[in-house]
N, C-alpha and C. Protein backbone atom coordinates (compact mmCIF):
# COMPACT_ATOMS: atom_id res chain seq x y z
N MET A 1 0.79 -1.40 -0.10
CA MET A 1 -0.06 0.02 -0.03
C MET A 1 0.56 1.15 -0.16
N PHE A 2 0.38 2.01 -0.70
CA PHE A 2 1.27 3.53 -0.72
C PHE A 2 0.29 4.73 -0.45
N ASP A 3 0.79 6.02 0.23
CA ASP A 3 0.30 7.15 0.57
C ASP A 3 -0.14 7.76 -0.86
N LEU A 4 -0.91 8.82 -0.66
CA LEU A 4 -1.25 9.74 -1.57
C LEU A 4 -0.77 11.30 -0.80
N GLU A 5 -0.18 11.98 -1.68
CA GLU A 5 0.77 13.14 -1.55
C GLU A 5 -0.90 14.26 -1.64
N PRO A 6 -0.93 15.14 -1.26
CA PRO A 6 -2.44 16.19 -0.83
C PRO A 6 -2.43 16.40 -2.30
N GLU A 7 -0.94 16.66 -3.19
CA GLU A 7 -1.92 17.51 -4.39
C GLU A 7 -2.28 16.31 -5.20
N GLU A 8 -1.84 14.89 -4.92
CA GLU A 8 -2.43 13.73 -5.80
C GLU A 8 -3.87 13.45 -5.62
N ALA A 9 -4.27 13.64 -4.17
CA ALA A 9 -5.52 13.67 -3.64
C ALA A 9 -6.48 14.34 -4.47
N ARG A 10 -5.84 15.96 -4.40
CA ARG A 10 -6.41 16.71 -4.63
C ARG A 10 -7.14 16.48 -6.38
N LEU A 11 -6.02 16.08 -7.21
CA LEU A 11 -6.03 16.04 -8.75
C LEU A 11 -6.96 14.74 -8.89
N LEU A 12 -6.67 13.82 -7.72
CA LEU A 12 -7.86 12.63 -8.02
C LEU A 12 -9.43 13.42 -7.98
N LEU A 13 -9.79 14.16 -6.70
CA LEU A 13 -10.76 14.58 -6.08
C LEU A 13 -11.37 15.47 -7.27
N ASP A 14 -10.41 15.94 -8.42
CA ASP A 14 -10.79 16.54 -9.20
C ASP A 14 -11.47 16.40 -10.21
N ILE A 15 -10.38 15.09 -10.50
CA ILE A 15 -11.37 14.11 -11.64
C ILE A 15 -12.70 13.54 -11.65
N ALA A 16 -12.42 13.26 -10.10
CA ALA A 16 -13.96 12.61 -9.42
C ALA A 16 -15.00 13.82 -10.03
N LEU A 17 -14.70 15.21 -9.72
CA LEU A 17 -15.97 16.16 -9.98
C LEU A 17 -16.18 16.13 -11.44
N LEU A 18 -15.04 16.29 -12.04
CA LEU A 18 -15.29 16.21 -13.67
C LEU A 18 -16.01 15.25 -14.15
N ALA A 19 -15.57 13.72 -13.71
CA ALA A 19 -16.75 12.74 -14.34
C ALA A 19 -18.04 12.99 -13.57
N THR A 20 -18.22 13.56 -12.27
CA THR A 20 -19.55 13.80 -12.03
C THR A 20 -20.19 15.00 -12.97
N GLY A 21 -19.65 15.35 -13.54
CA GLY A 21 -19.96 16.56 -14.53
C GLY A 21 -20.41 16.16 -15.82
N GLN A 22 -19.37 15.01 -16.05
CA GLN A 22 -20.01 14.54 -17.18
C GLN A 22 -20.78 13.36 -16.97
N ASN A 23 -21.41 13.31 -16.19
CA ASN A 23 -22.66 12.04 -15.63
C ASN A 23 -21.91 10.75 -15.77
N ARG A 24 -20.66 10.67 -15.49
CA ARG A 24 -19.96 9.77 -15.32
C ARG A 24 -19.84 9.08 -14.03
N PHE A 25 -21.08 8.94 -13.38
CA PHE A 25 -21.25 8.55 -12.11
C PHE A 25 -20.76 7.15 -11.36
N GLY A 26 -20.33 6.00 -12.36
CA GLY A 26 -19.79 5.41 -11.79
C GLY A 26 -18.19 5.38 -11.69
N SER A 27 -17.62 6.26 -12.85
CA SER A 27 -16.19 6.28 -12.60
C SER A 27 -15.86 7.10 -11.19
N ALA A 28 -16.56 8.38 -11.23
CA ALA A 28 -16.46 9.07 -9.81
C ALA A 28 -16.72 8.66 -9.11
N GLU A 29 -17.75 7.57 -8.67
CA GLU A 29 -17.92 6.61 -7.36
C GLU A 29 -16.81 5.87 -7.16
N LYS A 30 -16.20 5.45 -8.01
CA LYS A 30 -14.88 4.62 -7.77
C LYS A 30 -13.75 5.33 -7.24
N ILE A 31 -13.38 6.41 -8.00
CA ILE A 31 -12.40 7.28 -7.34
C ILE A 31 -12.53 7.80 -6.05
N LEU A 32 -13.88 8.41 -5.46
CA LEU A 32 -14.24 8.58 -4.36
C LEU A 32 -14.23 7.88 -3.38
N SER A 33 -14.48 6.19 -3.74
CA SER A 33 -14.25 5.10 -2.52
C SER A 33 -13.13 4.63 -2.36
N ALA A 34 -11.90 4.74 -3.43
CA ALA A 34 -10.53 4.62 -2.94
C ALA A 34 -10.06 6.02 -2.41
N LEU A 35 -10.45 7.25 -2.80
CA LEU A 35 -10.01 8.23 -1.66
C LEU A 35 -10.09 8.16 -0.68
N ARG A 36 -11.70 7.49 -0.29
CA ARG A 36 -11.96 7.46 1.23
C ARG A 36 -11.00 6.38 2.09
N GLY A 37 -10.62 5.52 1.32
CA GLY A 37 -9.29 4.73 2.19
C GLY A 37 -8.44 5.48 2.49
N TYR A 38 -8.03 6.30 2.04
CA TYR A 38 -6.67 7.23 2.12
C TYR A 38 -7.19 8.54 2.88
N ARG A 39 -8.25 8.94 2.61
CA ARG A 39 -8.50 10.17 3.27
C ARG A 39 -10.13 10.75 4.47
N PRO A 40 -9.99 9.78 5.07
CA PRO A 40 -11.11 9.54 5.74
C PRO A 40 -11.91 10.58 6.65
N GLN A 41 -10.95 11.37 6.85
CA GLN A 41 -11.37 12.58 7.63
C GLN A 41 -11.27 13.81 6.24
N SER A 42 -11.47 13.72 5.36
CA SER A 42 -11.67 14.78 4.08
C SER A 42 -12.75 15.68 4.24
N GLU A 43 -12.79 16.79 4.15
CA GLU A 43 -14.06 17.85 4.10
C GLU A 43 -14.53 17.82 2.70
N SER A 44 -13.63 17.85 1.94
CA SER A 44 -13.55 18.02 0.49
C SER A 44 -14.33 16.76 -0.11
N LEU A 45 -13.57 15.38 0.43
CA LEU A 45 -14.41 14.17 -0.38
C LEU A 45 -15.50 14.21 0.08
N SER A 46 -16.38 14.57 1.30
CA SER A 46 -17.19 14.63 2.00
C SER A 46 -18.63 15.32 1.03
N VAL A 47 -17.94 16.72 0.75
CA VAL A 47 -18.63 17.40 -0.53
C VAL A 47 -18.71 16.84 -1.66
N ALA A 48 -17.78 16.00 -2.08
CA ALA A 48 -17.58 15.78 -3.75
C ALA A 48 -18.59 14.78 -3.32
N GLU A 49 -18.64 13.53 -2.61
CA GLU A 49 -19.63 12.88 -2.47
C GLU A 49 -21.31 13.14 -2.61
N ALA A 50 -21.47 14.28 -1.32
CA ALA A 50 -22.80 14.84 -1.68
C ALA A 50 -23.00 15.29 -3.14
N VAL A 51 -22.16 15.99 -4.08
CA VAL A 51 -22.49 16.51 -4.96
C VAL A 51 -22.41 15.48 -5.85
N LEU A 52 -22.15 14.06 -5.77
CA LEU A 52 -22.45 12.93 -6.80
C LEU A 52 -23.68 12.78 -6.33
N MET A 53 -24.21 12.50 -5.01
CA MET A 53 -25.40 12.12 -4.80
C MET A 53 -26.87 13.23 -5.40
N LEU A 54 -26.35 14.34 -5.43
CA LEU A 54 -27.31 14.98 -5.90
C LEU A 54 -27.05 15.46 -7.34
N SER A 55 -26.15 15.14 -8.18
CA SER A 55 -25.97 14.90 -9.63
C SER A 55 -26.78 13.69 -9.83
N ARG A 56 -26.80 12.77 -9.21
CA ARG A 56 -27.34 11.60 -9.42
C ARG A 56 -29.23 11.41 -9.36
N GLY A 57 -29.64 12.45 -8.83
CA GLY A 57 -31.00 12.83 -8.20
C GLY A 57 -31.25 12.33 -7.05
N GLU A 58 -30.27 11.75 -6.13
CA GLU A 58 -30.38 10.95 -5.33
C GLU A 58 -30.64 12.34 -3.56
N THR A 59 -31.58 12.83 -3.73
CA THR A 59 -31.77 14.02 -2.90
C THR A 59 -31.84 13.65 -1.24
N GLY A 60 -32.87 12.58 -1.09
CA GLY A 60 -33.23 11.84 0.02
C GLY A 60 -31.72 11.33 0.67
N GLU A 61 -30.82 10.69 -0.27
CA GLU A 61 -29.60 9.80 0.42
C GLU A 61 -28.60 10.98 0.63
N ALA A 62 -28.65 12.09 -0.28
CA ALA A 62 -27.54 13.18 -0.02
C ALA A 62 -27.96 14.09 1.04
N LEU A 63 -29.65 14.34 1.17
CA LEU A 63 -29.88 14.91 3.02
C LEU A 63 -29.41 14.35 3.92
N ASP A 64 -29.61 12.75 3.78
CA ASP A 64 -29.11 12.07 5.23
C ASP A 64 -27.55 11.89 5.21
N PHE A 65 -26.71 11.84 4.21
CA PHE A 65 -25.69 11.64 4.24
C PHE A 65 -24.72 13.13 4.65
N ILE A 66 -25.22 14.18 4.34
CA ILE A 66 -24.97 15.72 4.67
C ILE A 66 -25.19 15.66 6.26
N ASP A 67 -26.45 15.54 6.70
CA ASP A 67 -26.67 15.54 8.12
C ASP A 67 -25.37 14.77 8.91
N ARG A 68 -25.02 13.70 8.24
CA ARG A 68 -23.81 12.61 9.18
C ARG A 68 -22.85 13.20 9.06
N GLU A 69 -22.61 13.98 7.91
CA GLU A 69 -21.22 14.68 7.95
C GLU A 69 -21.43 15.80 8.59
N LEU A 70 -22.27 16.55 9.02
CA LEU A 70 -22.29 17.60 9.73
C LEU A 70 -22.77 17.55 11.05
N GLN A 71 -22.37 16.35 11.56
CA GLN A 71 -22.31 16.13 13.18
C GLN A 71 -21.11 16.65 13.57
N PRO A 72 -21.09 16.98 15.13
CA PRO A 72 -20.07 17.32 15.62
C PRO A 72 -18.38 16.21 15.59
N ASP A 73 -18.80 14.76 15.82
CA ASP A 73 -17.60 13.94 15.54
C ASP A 73 -17.38 14.34 13.85
N ARG A 74 -17.58 15.13 13.24
CA ARG A 74 -17.30 15.25 11.50
C ARG A 74 -16.94 16.51 11.13
N PHE A 75 -17.85 17.25 10.23
CA PHE A 75 -17.38 18.67 9.74
C PHE A 75 -19.03 19.57 10.49
N PRO A 76 -18.92 19.89 11.66
CA PRO A 76 -20.14 20.63 11.98
C PRO A 76 -20.03 21.99 11.62
N ASP A 77 -19.01 22.35 11.33
CA ASP A 77 -18.92 24.15 10.95
C ASP A 77 -18.90 23.89 9.22
N SER A 78 -19.11 23.14 8.50
CA SER A 78 -18.67 23.24 7.07
C SER A 78 -19.88 23.97 6.63
N ALA A 79 -19.47 25.17 5.72
CA ALA A 79 -20.25 25.85 5.24
C ALA A 79 -20.82 25.66 3.60
N MET A 80 -19.67 24.75 3.01
CA MET A 80 -19.92 24.21 1.92
C MET A 80 -21.00 23.00 2.02
N LEU A 81 -20.75 22.15 2.95
CA LEU A 81 -21.92 20.89 3.18
C LEU A 81 -23.18 21.51 3.12
N ALA A 82 -23.21 22.55 4.31
CA ALA A 82 -24.58 23.38 4.83
C ALA A 82 -24.85 24.12 2.97
N ALA A 83 -24.14 24.27 2.45
CA ALA A 83 -24.96 25.21 1.24
C ALA A 83 -25.33 23.98 0.19
N PHE A 84 -24.48 22.88 0.26
CA PHE A 84 -25.49 21.53 -0.37
C PHE A 84 -26.45 21.14 0.01
N LYS A 85 -26.37 21.14 1.31
CA LYS A 85 -27.83 21.01 2.34
C LYS A 85 -28.92 21.65 1.60
N GLY A 86 -28.77 23.30 1.64
CA GLY A 86 -29.78 24.08 1.10
C GLY A 86 -30.03 23.70 0.04
N LEU A 87 -29.22 23.16 -1.03
CA LEU A 87 -29.81 22.87 -2.16
C LEU A 87 -30.47 21.64 -2.77
N ALA A 88 -30.02 20.77 -1.79
CA ALA A 88 -31.13 19.44 -1.86
C ALA A 88 -32.25 19.75 -0.96
N LEU A 89 -32.46 20.44 0.06
CA LEU A 89 -33.49 20.91 0.81
C LEU A 89 -34.37 21.60 -0.27
N ILE A 90 -34.07 22.67 -1.04
CA ILE A 90 -34.84 23.24 -2.21
C ILE A 90 -35.35 21.92 -3.13
N ARG A 91 -34.45 21.09 -3.46
CA ARG A 91 -34.94 19.90 -4.73
C ARG A 91 -35.79 19.16 -3.93
N ALA A 92 -35.98 19.39 -2.64
CA ALA A 92 -36.68 18.56 -1.67
C ALA A 92 -38.31 19.21 -1.36
N GLU A 93 -38.08 20.44 -2.12
CA GLU A 93 -39.27 21.39 -1.68
C GLU A 93 -39.59 21.84 -0.49
N ARG A 94 -38.71 21.70 0.62
CA ARG A 94 -38.50 21.83 1.75
C ARG A 94 -38.10 23.99 2.18
N LEU A 95 -38.42 24.18 1.87
CA LEU A 95 -37.83 25.95 1.63
C LEU A 95 -37.54 26.39 2.89
N PRO A 96 -38.11 26.34 3.77
CA PRO A 96 -37.77 27.04 4.82
C PRO A 96 -36.78 26.31 5.45
N GLU A 97 -36.52 25.18 5.73
CA GLU A 97 -35.44 24.57 6.05
C GLU A 97 -34.23 24.93 4.88
N ALA A 98 -34.52 25.09 3.86
CA ALA A 98 -33.44 25.32 3.04
C ALA A 98 -32.86 26.81 3.15
N ARG A 99 -33.55 27.61 3.18
CA ARG A 99 -33.39 29.01 3.69
C ARG A 99 -32.20 29.10 4.74
N ALA A 100 -32.91 28.57 5.99
CA ALA A 100 -31.99 28.35 6.91
C ALA A 100 -30.35 27.85 6.87
N ALA A 101 -30.33 26.77 6.22
CA ALA A 101 -28.90 26.06 5.82
C ALA A 101 -28.24 27.11 4.93
N LEU A 102 -28.80 27.67 4.04
CA LEU A 102 -28.28 28.39 3.06
C LEU A 102 -27.96 29.67 3.93
N ALA A 103 -29.03 30.07 4.72
CA ALA A 103 -28.22 31.39 5.50
C ALA A 103 -26.86 31.37 6.46
N ALA A 104 -26.93 30.11 6.68
CA ALA A 104 -25.65 29.92 7.68
C ALA A 104 -24.48 29.68 7.04
N ALA A 105 -24.62 29.10 5.68
CA ALA A 105 -23.45 28.87 4.89
C ALA A 105 -23.21 30.53 4.76
N ALA A 106 -24.17 31.00 3.87
CA ALA A 106 -23.99 32.56 3.41
C ALA A 106 -23.54 33.22 4.59
N ALA A 107 -23.29 33.12 5.66
CA ALA A 107 -22.91 33.72 6.96
C ALA A 107 -21.21 33.71 6.82
N ALA A 108 -20.93 32.18 6.28
CA ALA A 108 -19.48 32.08 6.58
C ALA A 108 -18.44 32.57 5.93
N GLU A 109 -18.86 34.05 5.00
CA GLU A 109 -18.18 34.30 3.95
C GLU A 109 -16.63 34.30 4.40
N ASP A 110 -15.97 34.73 5.76
CA ASP A 110 -14.96 34.68 5.95
C ASP A 110 -13.85 33.58 6.30
N ARG A 111 -14.78 32.24 6.70
CA ARG A 111 -14.44 31.12 6.62
C ARG A 111 -14.47 30.39 5.31
N ASP A 112 -15.36 30.41 4.36
CA ASP A 112 -15.36 29.84 3.31
C ASP A 112 -16.02 30.71 2.06
N PRO A 113 -15.41 31.75 1.46
CA PRO A 113 -16.04 32.48 0.48
C PRO A 113 -16.57 31.65 -0.63
N ALA A 114 -16.44 30.65 -1.25
CA ALA A 114 -16.94 29.75 -2.13
C ALA A 114 -18.55 29.17 -1.77
N ALA A 115 -18.20 29.13 -0.44
CA ALA A 115 -19.50 28.35 0.10
C ALA A 115 -20.57 29.50 -0.16
N ALA A 116 -19.87 30.27 0.87
CA ALA A 116 -20.70 31.76 0.92
C ALA A 116 -21.45 32.06 -0.10
N GLN A 117 -20.84 32.24 -1.50
CA GLN A 117 -21.31 32.75 -2.67
C GLN A 117 -22.49 31.86 -3.17
N LEU A 118 -22.08 30.55 -3.26
CA LEU A 118 -23.09 29.62 -3.85
C LEU A 118 -24.45 29.76 -3.07
N ALA A 119 -24.24 29.84 -1.56
CA ALA A 119 -25.64 29.97 -0.71
C ALA A 119 -26.12 31.09 -1.08
N LYS A 120 -25.38 32.12 -1.76
CA LYS A 120 -26.30 33.69 -1.54
C LYS A 120 -26.75 33.60 -2.94
N GLU A 121 -26.11 32.81 -3.95
CA GLU A 121 -26.96 32.67 -5.34
C GLU A 121 -28.27 31.81 -5.31
N LEU A 122 -27.94 30.68 -4.32
CA LEU A 122 -29.37 29.67 -3.93
C LEU A 122 -30.17 30.58 -3.34
N LEU A 123 -30.02 31.49 -2.50
CA LEU A 123 -31.35 32.44 -2.00
C LEU A 123 -31.93 33.32 -2.50
N LYS A 124 -31.38 33.91 -3.66
CA LYS A 124 -31.85 34.35 -4.54
C LYS A 124 -32.84 33.97 -5.08
């Protein structure tokens, strides 16, 4: 077994996100599954897994997954996961809950400007 350097893991994560964007869900899932073995505590990996689920149309599964990842023992302060939770809640037509999740993500501009921007766009 070998270890992945951070830049190698980031490259593979980017490839998985590109595969997701091209509807190559099986390829993305294989890459993310392999990465999970090397980086089990990676917030970026959790975000990519949530994006994959949402891209597949698995809104309920994505919400369950994101709620688990936002737990205190994982990534409770993840603005990006909160933003994608807001998106999932919009898709589930749970708008009041979506607004709350998006407002929390939008308020994290100093910690995660990309997540804040995504949340602000979704709040429009």
